[in-house]
């Protein structure tokens, strides 16, 4: 059972290893946390419709880095850049970007952007590109042991060959204010008072002191650049706080709620003693690990057996009725159900001692799997975010 309150808040009840945290991520984090993407395309040398650039960024959001690349290629770009997922802002990351480019123009082989914090290199071309998950990611993370290095290496070795619960990680819910699932739950329950309380009040420990003060002041006298402050100025009634939300934000709330329901399902599945490598009735068992349903919003559950019973209990546990899930508040809209493996297996997991003070941890994960689910076995939360 996880000892951390944030894990309980997000439905991540269980870990594979026991005991307290034995390490922390070195500082500065963006130089100690490195992510490399496995793209779902294979660039070719011959010119084609899309130029494919390998984009390396440090300490910048993916959207901002892609925007810098688009601006630098404006003379050859013929459309919107496509990429395969958002990468950690507070890390050094490698990802791939496809951009429709003119055949009759020179294509820069190397670009240094954003005061040197973003770089791009032309790696080839592709005739077809579409936004889809990467095939996986590789991670290199430098850890500083809290005790002796031998203890850290021993905990890492315990993870080798182990299946971990394939929870949705902290980033899915917001790293500084992890409550998008609670906002979605309140809207789905048509509880605007709880929604407004969670949106405008309820300070979280990792928020800045300025944001906490704004919440106490009900956002009076706070900068309009803050999202909540802007809503307060525009809203004239509780419904205005929902009407002012973009479809993108509402979709984020809904998908976070889906993730939360899946995390609770997985925790209850473990609590009942079911193994991660064997399906229960209602799951898809042709693969190992088996696939469990991530329930949709505006759809029937469509499964039976023990999996259905666990999901129904989860829905009741969070205060929803099946009717609220199948016939949601129109503002939320419909979100399709899908299937997700109940376990993840970190590939090529290992560690190497660097000098006499730090350890380099490395592993690979598949699409939709979170490095923080591996890190929470070693590192105290929220340091592992």
Foldseek 3Di string as FASTA:
>chain_A
DDPDPVCVVLLNDDWPDDDDFFWFFDPPFQAFKEKEFAAPDDFDADAAQKWKKWKKATLAKPVVLLVQVCVVQVVFFDDDKEWADIDDNHYIYITMIITGTDPPDDDDQKDQTDVNRMIMGGDHYDHDDDHHHTQWMKIKGKIFTPDFPVVLQVLLVVQAPDWTFQAQDQVLQPLQQRCLQVLLLCQLVVNLVSNCCSLQADHDPRDDPVSNVCSVVSNPPHDCVDPSNVQVVPDDDSVSSLVPDDLVSLQSSQVSNLSSLLSNLLSVCVVVPDDLQQDFAFWANPDGRIKAKSDKALDQPPTDGPSVVSSCVSCVVSPHHSCSRNPGDPSSPIGHMDIDRRIWRWAPWHWDDDDRGMIITITMTGTSGDVLSVCVSHHDPPSSD
